[in-house]
Amino acid sequence: MKYLFPQRFGGLLLALFPLIAFAHGISDEDKQRMLDGGYIQYLWLGASHMLTGYDHLLFLLGVVFFLNTFRDIFKFVTVFTIGHCITLIFATYFKITWNFWLIDAIIALSVIYKGFDNNGGFQRHFNMASPNLLKMVFAFGLLHGFGLSTRLQQLPLGDDPVHMILRILSFNAGVELGQIAALVVMVSVLSWWRKTSHFERFSYAANLGLIIAGVYLLFVQLHGYQHDVNGESFRFPTEEHRHTHEDLDIQNTTDNRRNTL
């Protein structure tokens, strides 16, 4: 069973590759809506961005996976939220950015980390206690917020400082609303699951799934980075592609003439 699970999970991830690869991007339609609409558009985009942000959701799932009291959930989610609000707002306002593919690749490492930690990886493999979880969640929150900022900076935020900060805050508020909606579902499902006999048996496999998902996301983002910085090596150069078609046309014409003769 434990060998079959990663294969099935990997197959599901391969099927979801187009969604995972492009869910975190800002489409041309989104950009145009920002130009045509107001702050509500930024609020809506922030919420939808969080709800389709697989890396953020997987990390949050890992954080709350073994938390069974409202106090603990509130504490860790609040620390994560403070962290990503800081970098989202300040990095966007001061236009501090980096390659978003690399940022998302590092964010994928946070998913791997949480699955590894949840499965007692530090105790099993390094014979040591796990790093302070509250501090790690805050640090990863800063990282996730920076990832959100790199995407938000692709949007037309304007030059007026007041309008810019209001747009950033609207997007940030949308992110928080999306996060709350996702957490309600996660916590509800986990609360129900913990009451069943399957939770203890499959919790290790579920967190192994987090690690596999994180590894997959890491390679997707690194692949995207290679496309971004060295796109020509991933496709035919335009002129070469055109000449190839011309050569094929000449060859087909020659073959047709021979057949006619």
C-alpha atoms as a PDB file:
ATOM      1  CA  MET A   1       0.000   0.000   0.000  1.00  0.00           C
ATOM      2  CA  LYS A   2       2.747   2.489   0.929  1.00  0.00           C
ATOM      3  CA  TYR A   3       4.500   1.880  -2.418  1.00  0.00           C
ATOM      4  CA  LEU A   4       1.300   2.264  -4.405  1.00  0.00           C
ATOM      5  CA  PHE A   5       0.360   5.589  -2.804  1.00  0.00           C
ATOM      6  CA  PRO A   6       3.283   7.659  -4.197  1.00  0.00           C
ATOM      7  CA  GLN A   7       2.686   6.234  -7.691  1.00  0.00           C
ATOM      8  CA  ARG A   8      -0.994   7.168  -7.641  1.00  0.00           C
ATOM      9  CA  PHE A   9      -0.235  10.546  -6.107  1.00  0.00           C
ATOM     10  CA  GLY A  10       2.462  11.195  -8.695  1.00  0.00           C
ATOM     11  CA  GLY A  11       0.029  10.280 -11.479  1.00  0.00           C
ATOM     12  CA  LEU A  12      -2.509  12.734 -10.104  1.00  0.00           C
ATOM     13  CA  LEU A  13       0.120  15.481  -9.963  1.00  0.00           C
ATOM     14  CA  LEU A  14       1.111  14.807 -13.576  1.00  0.00           C
ATOM     15  CA  ALA A  15      -2.526  15.121 -14.583  1.00  0.00           C
ATOM     16  CA  LEU A  16      -2.715  18.438 -12.735  1.00  0.00           C
ATOM     17  CA  PHE A  17       0.545  19.780 -14.233  1.00  0.00           C
ATOM     18  CA  PRO A  18      -1.090  22.478 -16.407  1.00  0.00           C
ATOM     19  CA  LEU A  19      -3.080  23.787 -13.432  1.00  0.00           C
ATOM     20  CA  ILE A  20      -0.114  23.746 -11.065  1.00  0.00           C
ATOM     21  CA  ALA A  21       2.203  25.383 -13.566  1.00  0.00           C
ATOM     22  CA  PHE A  22      -0.081  28.288 -14.392  1.00  0.00           C
ATOM     23  CA  ALA A  23      -2.338  28.759 -11.350  1.00  0.00           C
ATOM     24  CA  HIS A  24       0.030  31.269  -9.793  1.00  0.00           C
ATOM     25  CA  GLY A  25       0.420  33.500 -12.815  1.00  0.00           C
ATOM     26  CA  ILE A  26      -1.310  36.797 -13.530  1.00  0.00           C
ATOM     27  CA  SER A  27      -3.151  36.534 -16.839  1.00  0.00           C
ATOM     28  CA  ASP A  28      -3.639  39.342 -19.356  1.00  0.00           C
ATOM     29  CA  GLU A  29      -7.361  39.239 -18.537  1.00  0.00           C
ATOM     30  CA  ASP A  30      -6.563  39.841 -14.845  1.00  0.00           C
ATOM     31  CA  LYS A  31      -4.339  42.773 -15.751  1.00  0.00           C
ATOM     32  CA  GLN A  32      -7.063  44.316 -17.897  1.00  0.00           C
ATOM     33  CA  ARG A  33      -9.622  43.886 -15.093  1.00  0.00           C
ATOM     34  CA  MET A  34      -7.288  45.749 -12.796  1.00  0.00           C
ATOM     35  CA  LEU A  35      -7.150  48.633 -15.252  1.00  0.00           C
ATOM     36  CA  ASP A  36     -10.920  48.671 -15.766  1.00  0.00           C
ATOM     37  CA  GLY A  37     -12.017  47.981 -12.199  1.00  0.00           C
ATOM     38  CA  GLY A  38     -11.339  49.324  -8.732  1.00  0.00           C
ATOM     39  CA  TYR A  39     -10.173  48.040  -5.359  1.00  0.00           C
ATOM     40  CA  ILE A  40     -12.782  45.265  -5.370  1.00  0.00           C
ATOM     41  CA  GLN A  41     -10.962  43.730  -8.331  1.00  0.00           C
ATOM     42  CA  TYR A  42      -7.747  43.570  -6.293  1.00  0.00           C
ATOM     43  CA  LEU A  43      -9.672  42.072  -3.377  1.00  0.00           C
ATOM     44  CA  TRP A  44     -11.194  39.406  -5.623  1.00  0.00           C
ATOM     45  CA  LEU A  45      -7.882  38.626  -7.310  1.00  0.00           C
ATOM     46  CA  GLY A  46      -6.151  38.243  -3.933  1.00  0.00           C
ATOM     47  CA  ALA A  47      -8.789  35.744  -2.767  1.00  0.00           C
ATOM     48  CA  SER A  48      -8.767  33.733  -5.995  1.00  0.00           C
ATOM     49  CA  HIS A  49      -4.956  33.801  -6.052  1.00  0.00           C
ATOM     50  CA  MET A  50      -4.780  32.261  -2.585  1.00  0.00           C
ATOM     51  CA  LEU A  51      -7.442  29.653  -3.373  1.00  0.00           C
ATOM     52  CA  THR A  52      -5.478  28.503  -6.437  1.00  0.00           C
ATOM     53  CA  GLY A  53      -2.063  28.880  -4.768  1.00  0.00           C
ATOM     54  CA  TYR A  54      -1.290  25.195  -4.316  1.00  0.00           C
ATOM     55  CA  ASP A  55       2.030  25.828  -2.585  1.00  0.00           C
ATOM     56  CA  HIS A  56       0.457  28.149   0.021  1.00  0.00           C
ATOM     57  CA  LEU A  57      -2.454  25.792   0.625  1.00  0.00           C
ATOM     58  CA  LEU A  58      -0.248  22.713   0.951  1.00  0.00           C
ATOM     59  CA  PHE A  59       1.989  24.486   3.462  1.00  0.00           C
ATOM     60  CA  LEU A  60      -1.041  25.602   5.484  1.00  0.00           C
ATOM     61  CA  LEU A  61      -2.373  22.048   5.405  1.00  0.00           C
ATOM     62  CA  GLY A  62       0.930  20.841   6.809  1.00  0.00           C
ATOM     63  CA  VAL A  63       0.869  23.491   9.541  1.00  0.00           C
ATOM     64  CA  VAL A  64      -2.635  22.638  10.807  1.00  0.00           C
ATOM     65  CA  PHE A  65      -2.435  18.890  10.142  1.00  0.00           C
ATOM     66  CA  PHE A  66      -1.758  17.877  13.762  1.00  0.00           C
ATOM     67  CA  LEU A  67      -3.249  20.934  15.487  1.00  0.00           C
ATOM     68  CA  ASN A  68      -6.471  19.969  17.256  1.00  0.00           C
ATOM     69  CA  THR A  69      -7.355  23.032  19.320  1.00  0.00           C
ATOM     70  CA  PHE A  70      -8.682  26.363  18.108  1.00  0.00           C
ATOM     71  CA  ARG A  71      -6.067  28.181  20.205  1.00  0.00           C
ATOM     72  CA  ASP A  72      -3.157  26.419  18.476  1.00  0.00           C
ATOM     73  CA  ILE A  73      -4.661  26.866  15.013  1.00  0.00           C
ATOM     74  CA  PHE A  74      -5.273  30.562  15.671  1.00  0.00           C
ATOM     75  CA  LYS A  75      -1.728  31.056  17.014  1.00  0.00           C
ATOM     76  CA  PHE A  76       0.101  29.434  14.118  1.00  0.00           C
ATOM     77  CA  VAL A  77      -2.131  30.843  11.396  1.00  0.00           C
ATOM     78  CA  THR A  78      -1.820  34.328  12.908  1.00  0.00           C
ATOM     79  CA  VAL A  79       1.991  34.098  12.929  1.00  0.00           C
ATOM     80  CA  PHE A  80       1.984  32.894   9.307  1.00  0.00           C
ATOM     81  CA  THR A  81      -0.407  35.697   8.339  1.00  0.00           C
ATOM     82  CA  ILE A  82       1.695  38.399  10.017  1.00  0.00           C
ATOM     83  CA  GLY A  83       4.750  37.079   8.204  1.00  0.00           C
ATOM     84  CA  HIS A  84       3.263  37.110   4.724  1.00  0.00           C
ATOM     85  CA  CYS A  85       1.522  40.466   5.276  1.00  0.00           C
ATOM     86  CA  ILE A  86       4.848  42.107   6.121  1.00  0.00           C
ATOM     87  CA  THR A  87       6.640  41.072   2.949  1.00  0.00           C
ATOM     88  CA  LEU A  88       3.596  41.316   0.683  1.00  0.00           C
ATOM     89  CA  ILE A  89       2.919  44.942   1.642  1.00  0.00           C
ATOM     90  CA  PHE A  90       6.433  46.311   2.057  1.00  0.00           C
ATOM     91  CA  ALA A  91       8.135  44.446  -0.789  1.00  0.00           C
ATOM     92  CA  THR A  92       5.371  45.497  -3.183  1.00  0.00           C
ATOM     93  CA  TYR A  93       5.294  49.132  -2.065  1.00  0.00           C
ATOM     94  CA  PHE A  94       9.068  49.535  -2.229  1.00  0.00           C
ATOM     95  CA  LYS A  95       9.272  47.424  -5.425  1.00  0.00           C
ATOM     96  CA  ILE A  96      11.631  44.839  -3.962  1.00  0.00           C
ATOM     97  CA  THR A  97      11.441  41.810  -6.213  1.00  0.00           C
ATOM     98  CA  TRP A  98      13.243  38.760  -7.539  1.00  0.00           C
ATOM     99  CA  ASN A  99      12.572  36.082 -10.154  1.00  0.00           C
ATOM    100  CA  PHE A 100       9.159  34.700  -9.179  1.00  0.00           C
ATOM    101  CA  TRP A 101      10.008  31.191 -10.447  1.00  0.00           C
ATOM    102  CA  LEU A 102      12.907  30.971  -7.984  1.00  0.00           C
ATOM    103  CA  ILE A 103      10.809  32.394  -5.140  1.00  0.00           C
ATOM    104  CA  ASP A 104       8.110  29.795  -5.802  1.00  0.00           C
ATOM    105  CA  ALA A 105      10.776  27.073  -5.961  1.00  0.00           C
ATOM    106  CA  ILE A 106      11.939  28.047  -2.462  1.00  0.00           C
ATOM    107  CA  ILE A 107       8.306  28.137  -1.329  1.00  0.00           C
ATOM    108  CA  ALA A 108       7.986  24.545  -2.594  1.00  0.00           C
ATOM    109  CA  LEU A 109      10.821  23.676  -0.193  1.00  0.00           C
ATOM    110  CA  SER A 110       8.622  24.929   2.671  1.00  0.00           C
ATOM    111  CA  VAL A 111       6.001  22.318   1.694  1.00  0.00           C
ATOM    112  CA  ILE A 112       8.671  19.609   1.680  1.00  0.00           C
ATOM    113  CA  TYR A 113       9.934  20.844   5.050  1.00  0.00           C
ATOM    114  CA  LYS A 114       6.492  20.694   6.684  1.00  0.00           C
ATOM    115  CA  GLY A 115       5.742  17.187   5.434  1.00  0.00           C
ATOM    116  CA  PHE A 116       9.205  16.045   6.582  1.00  0.00           C
ATOM    117  CA  ASP A 117       8.727  17.661   9.998  1.00  0.00           C
ATOM    118  CA  ASN A 118       5.223  16.234  10.418  1.00  0.00           C
ATOM    119  CA  ASN A 119       6.555  12.734   9.779  1.00  0.00           C
ATOM    120  CA  GLY A 120       9.221  13.138  12.487  1.00  0.00           C
ATOM    121  CA  GLY A 121      12.009  13.485   9.958  1.00  0.00           C
ATOM    122  CA  PHE A 122      14.358  15.394  12.267  1.00  0.00           C
ATOM    123  CA  GLN A 123      14.008  12.787  15.002  1.00  0.00           C
ATOM    124  CA  ARG A 124      14.253   9.792  12.651  1.00  0.00           C
ATOM    125  CA  HIS A 125      17.088  10.916  10.398  1.00  0.00           C
ATOM    126  CA  PHE A 126      19.049  13.497  12.394  1.00  0.00           C
ATOM    127  CA  ASN A 127      18.361  12.354  15.953  1.00  0.00           C
ATOM    128  CA  MET A 128      17.422  15.888  16.972  1.00  0.00           C
ATOM    129  CA  ALA A 129      14.355  17.865  17.977  1.00  0.00           C
ATOM    130  CA  SER A 130      12.465  19.800  15.311  1.00  0.00           C
ATOM    131  CA  PRO A 131      13.305  23.516  15.016  1.00  0.00           C
ATOM    132  CA  ASN A 132      10.904  25.831  16.856  1.00  0.00           C
ATOM    133  CA  LEU A 133       7.726  25.526  14.799  1.00  0.00           C
ATOM    134  CA  LEU A 134       6.361  28.984  15.600  1.00  0.00           C
ATOM    135  CA  LYS A 135       9.573  30.645  14.401  1.00  0.00           C
ATOM    136  CA  MET A 136       9.726  28.486  11.274  1.00  0.00           C
ATOM    137  CA  VAL A 137       6.093  29.255  10.381  1.00  0.00           C
ATOM    138  CA  PHE A 138       6.804  32.983  10.750  1.00  0.00           C
ATOM    139  CA  ALA A 139       9.945  32.708   8.583  1.00  0.00           C
ATOM    140  CA  PHE A 140       8.079  30.775   5.924  1.00  0.00           C
ATOM    141  CA  GLY A 141       5.271  33.335   6.157  1.00  0.00           C
ATOM    142  CA  LEU A 142       7.768  36.051   5.188  1.00  0.00           C
ATOM    143  CA  LEU A 143       8.857  33.907   2.235  1.00  0.00           C
ATOM    144  CA  HIS A 144       5.296  33.192   1.071  1.00  0.00           C
ATOM    145  CA  GLY A 145       4.450  36.889   1.287  1.00  0.00           C
ATOM    146  CA  PHE A 146       7.439  37.736  -0.894  1.00  0.00           C
ATOM    147  CA  GLY A 147       6.193  35.207  -3.441  1.00  0.00           C
ATOM    148  CA  LEU A 148       2.777  36.866  -3.449  1.00  0.00           C
ATOM    149  CA  SER A 149       4.454  40.252  -3.839  1.00  0.00           C
ATOM    150  CA  THR A 150       6.396  39.211  -6.947  1.00  0.00           C
ATOM    151  CA  ARG A 151       3.083  38.319  -8.600  1.00  0.00           C
ATOM    152  CA  LEU A 152       1.281  41.445  -7.440  1.00  0.00           C
ATOM    153  CA  GLN A 153       4.064  43.587  -8.873  1.00  0.00           C
ATOM    154  CA  GLN A 154       3.130  42.299 -12.329  1.00  0.00           C
ATOM    155  CA  LEU A 155      -0.104  44.293 -12.047  1.00  0.00           C
ATOM    156  CA  PRO A 156      -0.678  47.987 -12.846  1.00  0.00           C
ATOM    157  CA  LEU A 157      -0.537  49.508  -9.346  1.00  0.00           C
ATOM    158  CA  GLY A 158      -0.142  53.113 -10.498  1.00  0.00           C
ATOM    159  CA  ASP A 159       2.295  55.801  -9.385  1.00  0.00           C
ATOM    160  CA  ASP A 160       0.141  57.582  -6.815  1.00  0.00           C
ATOM    161  CA  PRO A 161       1.320  56.373  -3.348  1.00  0.00           C
ATOM    162  CA  VAL A 162      -2.180  56.472  -1.810  1.00  0.00           C
ATOM    163  CA  HIS A 163      -3.826  54.513  -4.624  1.00  0.00           C
ATOM    164  CA  MET A 164      -0.900  52.091  -4.680  1.00  0.00           C
ATOM    165  CA  ILE A 165      -1.087  51.261  -0.978  1.00  0.00           C
ATOM    166  CA  LEU A 166      -4.890  50.890  -1.153  1.00  0.00           C
ATOM    167  CA  ARG A 167      -4.540  48.452  -4.045  1.00  0.00           C
ATOM    168  CA  ILE A 168      -1.894  46.480  -2.170  1.00  0.00           C
ATOM    169  CA  LEU A 169      -4.050  46.383   0.968  1.00  0.00           C
ATOM    170  CA  SER A 170      -7.080  45.315  -1.070  1.00  0.00           C
ATOM    171  CA  PHE A 171      -5.118  42.450  -2.608  1.00  0.00           C
ATOM    172  CA  ASN A 172      -3.775  41.516   0.827  1.00  0.00           C
ATOM    173  CA  ALA A 173      -7.281  41.532   2.313  1.00  0.00           C
ATOM    174  CA  GLY A 174      -8.409  39.233  -0.493  1.00  0.00           C
ATOM    175  CA  VAL A 175      -5.536  36.870   0.268  1.00  0.00           C
ATOM    176  CA  GLU A 176      -6.636  36.715   3.913  1.00  0.00           C
ATOM    177  CA  LEU A 177     -10.266  36.034   2.942  1.00  0.00           C
ATOM    178  CA  GLY A 178      -9.149  33.254   0.611  1.00  0.00           C
ATOM    179  CA  GLN A 179      -6.942  31.834   3.339  1.00  0.00           C
ATOM    180  CA  ILE A 180      -9.805  31.830   5.845  1.00  0.00           C
ATOM    181  CA  ALA A 181     -12.091  30.056   3.357  1.00  0.00           C
ATOM    182  CA  ALA A 182      -9.444  27.416   2.657  1.00  0.00           C
ATOM    183  CA  LEU A 183      -8.716  26.920   6.364  1.00  0.00           C
ATOM    184  CA  VAL A 184     -12.379  26.405   7.199  1.00  0.00           C
ATOM    185  CA  VAL A 185     -12.488  23.514   4.739  1.00  0.00           C
ATOM    186  CA  MET A 186      -9.126  22.064   5.829  1.00  0.00           C
ATOM    187  CA  VAL A 187      -9.844  22.224   9.554  1.00  0.00           C
ATOM    188  CA  SER A 188     -13.352  20.786   9.098  1.00  0.00           C
ATOM    189  CA  VAL A 189     -12.081  17.826   7.071  1.00  0.00           C
ATOM    190  CA  LEU A 190      -9.165  17.193   9.446  1.00  0.00           C
ATOM    191  CA  SER A 191     -11.472  17.390  12.494  1.00  0.00           C
ATOM    192  CA  TRP A 192     -13.747  14.763  10.951  1.00  0.00           C
ATOM    193  CA  TRP A 193     -10.821  12.612   9.825  1.00  0.00           C
ATOM    194  CA  ARG A 194      -9.213  12.555  13.279  1.00  0.00           C
ATOM    195  CA  LYS A 195     -12.361  10.903  14.665  1.00  0.00           C
ATOM    196  CA  THR A 196     -11.994   7.953  12.302  1.00  0.00           C
ATOM    197  CA  SER A 197      -9.722   4.926  12.624  1.00  0.00           C
ATOM    198  CA  HIS A 198      -8.009   5.834   9.345  1.00  0.00           C
ATOM    199  CA  PHE A 199      -6.250   8.976  10.579  1.00  0.00           C
ATOM    200  CA  GLU A 200      -3.438   7.248  12.501  1.00  0.00           C
ATOM    201  CA  ARG A 201      -2.901   4.722   9.708  1.00  0.00           C
ATOM    202  CA  PHE A 202      -2.807   7.195   6.839  1.00  0.00           C
ATOM    203  CA  SER A 203      -1.386  10.369   8.419  1.00  0.00           C
ATOM    204  CA  TYR A 204       2.169   9.297   7.539  1.00  0.00           C
ATOM    205  CA  ALA A 205       1.146   8.643   3.927  1.00  0.00           C
ATOM    206  CA  ALA A 206      -0.670  11.984   3.751  1.00  0.00           C
ATOM    207  CA  ASN A 207       2.439  13.874   4.865  1.00  0.00           C
ATOM    208  CA  LEU A 208       4.547  11.800   2.515  1.00  0.00           C
ATOM    209  CA  GLY A 209       2.148  13.099  -0.131  1.00  0.00           C
ATOM    210  CA  LEU A 210       3.010  16.643   0.978  1.00  0.00           C
ATOM    211  CA  ILE A 211       6.703  15.897   0.445  1.00  0.00           C
ATOM    212  CA  ILE A 212       6.044  14.416  -3.005  1.00  0.00           C
ATOM    213  CA  ALA A 213       3.864  17.394  -3.947  1.00  0.00           C
ATOM    214  CA  GLY A 214       6.563  19.790  -2.745  1.00  0.00           C
ATOM    215  CA  VAL A 215       9.240  18.010  -4.780  1.00  0.00           C
ATOM    216  CA  TYR A 216       7.000  18.090  -7.831  1.00  0.00           C
ATOM    217  CA  LEU A 217       6.268  21.799  -7.399  1.00  0.00           C
ATOM    218  CA  LEU A 218       9.991  22.447  -6.929  1.00  0.00           C
ATOM    219  CA  PHE A 219      10.816  20.853 -10.287  1.00  0.00           C
ATOM    220  CA  VAL A 220       7.914  22.615 -11.996  1.00  0.00           C
ATOM    221  CA  GLN A 221       9.174  25.990 -10.781  1.00  0.00           C
ATOM    222  CA  LEU A 222      12.805  25.239 -11.671  1.00  0.00           C
ATOM    223  CA  HIS A 223      11.660  24.122 -15.105  1.00  0.00           C
ATOM    224  CA  GLY A 224       9.734  27.368 -15.458  1.00  0.00           C
ATOM    225  CA  TYR A 225      12.838  29.293 -14.416  1.00  0.00           C
ATOM    226  CA  GLN A 226      14.847  27.606 -17.171  1.00  0.00           C
ATOM    227  CA  HIS A 227      12.164  28.598 -19.674  1.00  0.00           C
ATOM    228  CA  ASP A 228      12.268  32.141 -18.333  1.00  0.00           C
ATOM    229  CA  VAL A 229      16.023  32.693 -18.538  1.00  0.00           C
ATOM    230  CA  ASN A 230      16.937  30.373 -21.402  1.00  0.00           C
ATOM    231  CA  GLY A 231      13.790  29.968 -23.451  1.00  0.00           C
ATOM    232  CA  GLU A 232      15.518  29.308 -26.783  1.00  0.00           C
ATOM    233  CA  SER A 233      16.971  26.029 -25.510  1.00  0.00           C
ATOM    234  CA  PHE A 234      13.428  24.730 -24.922  1.00  0.00           C
ATOM    235  CA  ARG A 235      12.054  25.401 -28.383  1.00  0.00           C
ATOM    236  CA  PHE A 236      13.008  25.734 -32.060  1.00  0.00           C
ATOM    237  CA  PRO A 237      14.315  29.186 -32.920  1.00  0.00           C
ATOM    238  CA  THR A 238      11.768  30.832 -35.228  1.00  0.00           C
ATOM    239  CA  GLU A 239      13.996  31.039 -38.293  1.00  0.00           C
ATOM    240  CA  GLU A 240      15.266  27.486 -37.909  1.00  0.00           C
ATOM    241  CA  HIS A 241      11.705  26.225 -37.493  1.00  0.00           C
ATOM    242  CA  ARG A 242      10.617  28.075 -40.654  1.00  0.00           C
ATOM    243  CA  HIS A 243      13.501  26.649 -42.699  1.00  0.00           C
ATOM    244  CA  THR A 244      12.690  23.155 -41.471  1.00  0.00           C
ATOM    245  CA  HIS A 245       9.122  23.499 -42.797  1.00  0.00           C
ATOM    246  CA  GLU A 246      10.431  24.857 -46.123  1.00  0.00           C
ATOM    247  CA  ASP A 247      12.767  21.871 -46.486  1.00  0.00           C
ATOM    248  CA  LEU A 248       9.886  19.500 -45.759  1.00  0.00           C
ATOM    249  CA  ASP A 249       7.722  21.220 -48.384  1.00  0.00           C
ATOM    250  CA  ILE A 250      10.494  20.879 -50.993  1.00  0.00           C
ATOM    251  CA  GLN A 251      10.951  17.214 -50.130  1.00  0.00           C
ATOM    252  CA  ASN A 252       7.199  16.540 -50.379  1.00  0.00           C
ATOM    253  CA  THR A 253       7.001  18.305 -53.774  1.00  0.00           C
ATOM    254  CA  THR A 254       9.925  16.251 -55.089  1.00  0.00           C
ATOM    255  CA  ASP A 255       8.379  13.006 -53.876  1.00  0.00           C
ATOM    256  CA  ASN A 256       5.034  13.874 -55.518  1.00  0.00           C
ATOM    257  CA  ARG A 257       6.724  14.562 -58.859  1.00  0.00           C
ATOM    258  CA  ARG A 258       8.544  11.224 -58.718  1.00  0.00           C
ATOM    259  CA  ASN A 259       5.295   9.413 -57.979  1.00  0.00           C
ATOM    260  CA  THR A 260       3.613  11.153 -60.915  1.00  0.00           C
ATOM    261  CA  LEU A 261       6.422  10.126 -63.291  1.00  0.00           C
END
